[in-house]
């Protein structure tokens, strides 16, 4: 039986999840575009991990987000931690 999906725990995680859902892409597809594992994408979308700062532009492209929006969310999450 599949585990129930946990809710994203931060504005960054919510934004990543929603961007992927809007694009109609799977975690595996985003992972391939971002050159990370699907497990990493899942961890980002649950708020367990954040993308590395030096990869934010690549991650924004993979999620089809504006890089400035992703950076803003990333820094807000860093301040809250």
Protein backbone atom coordinates (compact mmCIF):
# COMPACT_ATOMS: atom_id res chain seq x y z
CA UNK A 1 0.00 0.00 0.00
CA UNK A 2 1.31 3.47 -0.91
CA UNK A 3 2.14 5.95 1.82
CA UNK A 4 -0.07 9.05 1.94
CA UNK A 5 1.65 12.09 0.48
CA UNK A 6 2.87 14.52 3.12
CA UNK A 7 2.14 18.21 2.68
CA UNK A 8 4.99 20.55 1.75
CA UNK A 9 6.34 22.25 4.87
CA UNK A 10 7.68 25.57 3.54
CA UNK A 11 6.75 28.22 0.96
CA UNK A 12 9.70 27.04 -1.14
CA UNK A 13 8.51 23.43 -1.05
CA UNK A 14 4.95 24.48 -1.92
CA UNK A 15 6.16 26.60 -4.84
CA UNK A 16 8.30 23.77 -6.24
CA UNK A 17 5.48 21.25 -5.93
CA UNK A 18 2.91 23.59 -7.48
CA UNK A 19 5.23 24.60 -10.34
CA UNK A 20 5.80 20.97 -11.22
CA UNK A 21 2.11 20.12 -10.99
CA UNK A 22 1.18 23.11 -13.21
CA UNK A 23 3.70 21.97 -15.81
CA UNK A 24 2.24 18.46 -15.85
CA UNK A 25 5.66 16.93 -15.32
CA UNK A 26 6.64 14.08 -13.05
CA UNK A 27 9.29 14.27 -10.38
CA UNK A 28 11.45 12.03 -12.56
CA UNK A 29 11.19 14.46 -15.49
CA UNK A 30 12.13 17.43 -13.33
CA UNK A 31 14.95 15.42 -11.77
CA UNK A 32 16.38 14.65 -15.20
CA UNK A 33 16.19 18.31 -16.23
CA UNK A 34 17.82 19.43 -12.96
CA UNK A 35 20.42 16.63 -13.09
CA UNK A 36 19.51 15.31 -9.64
CA UNK A 37 17.72 12.20 -8.42
CA UNK A 38 13.96 11.83 -8.09
CA UNK A 39 14.54 11.30 -4.35
CA UNK A 40 16.14 14.76 -4.21
CA UNK A 41 13.16 16.33 -5.98
CA UNK A 42 10.82 14.62 -3.53
CA UNK A 43 12.87 15.92 -0.58
CA UNK A 44 12.78 19.47 -1.96
CA UNK A 45 9.02 19.30 -2.49
CA UNK A 46 8.45 18.07 1.07
CA UNK A 47 10.71 20.76 2.51
CA UNK A 48 13.23 18.28 3.91
CA UNK A 49 16.06 19.71 1.80
CA UNK A 50 16.65 22.84 -0.26
CA UNK A 51 18.42 23.08 -3.61
CA UNK A 52 22.03 24.22 -3.37
CA UNK A 53 22.41 27.97 -3.82
CA UNK A 54 24.82 27.55 -6.74
CA UNK A 55 22.22 25.49 -8.64
CA UNK A 56 19.16 27.75 -8.23
CA UNK A 57 19.11 28.98 -11.84
CA UNK A 58 19.31 25.40 -13.16
CA UNK A 59 16.59 24.31 -10.74
CA UNK A 60 14.37 27.22 -11.81
CA UNK A 61 14.70 26.15 -15.44
CA UNK A 62 13.92 22.53 -14.55
CA UNK A 63 10.77 23.63 -12.70
CA UNK A 64 9.90 26.25 -15.33
CA UNK A 65 9.98 28.98 -12.71
CA UNK A 66 11.42 32.48 -12.83
CA UNK A 67 14.89 32.34 -11.26
CA UNK A 68 14.26 35.52 -9.23
CA UNK A 69 11.16 33.96 -7.63
CA UNK A 70 13.03 30.79 -6.72
CA UNK A 71 15.96 32.75 -5.25
CA UNK A 72 13.57 34.87 -3.19
CA UNK A 73 11.83 31.81 -1.76
CA UNK A 74 15.18 30.11 -1.15
CA UNK A 75 16.55 33.06 0.83
CA UNK A 76 13.30 33.43 2.81
CA UNK A 77 13.54 29.75 3.75
CA UNK A 78 17.20 30.18 4.73
CA UNK A 79 16.31 33.06 7.08
CA UNK A 80 13.56 31.03 8.72
CA UNK A 81 15.85 28.07 9.42
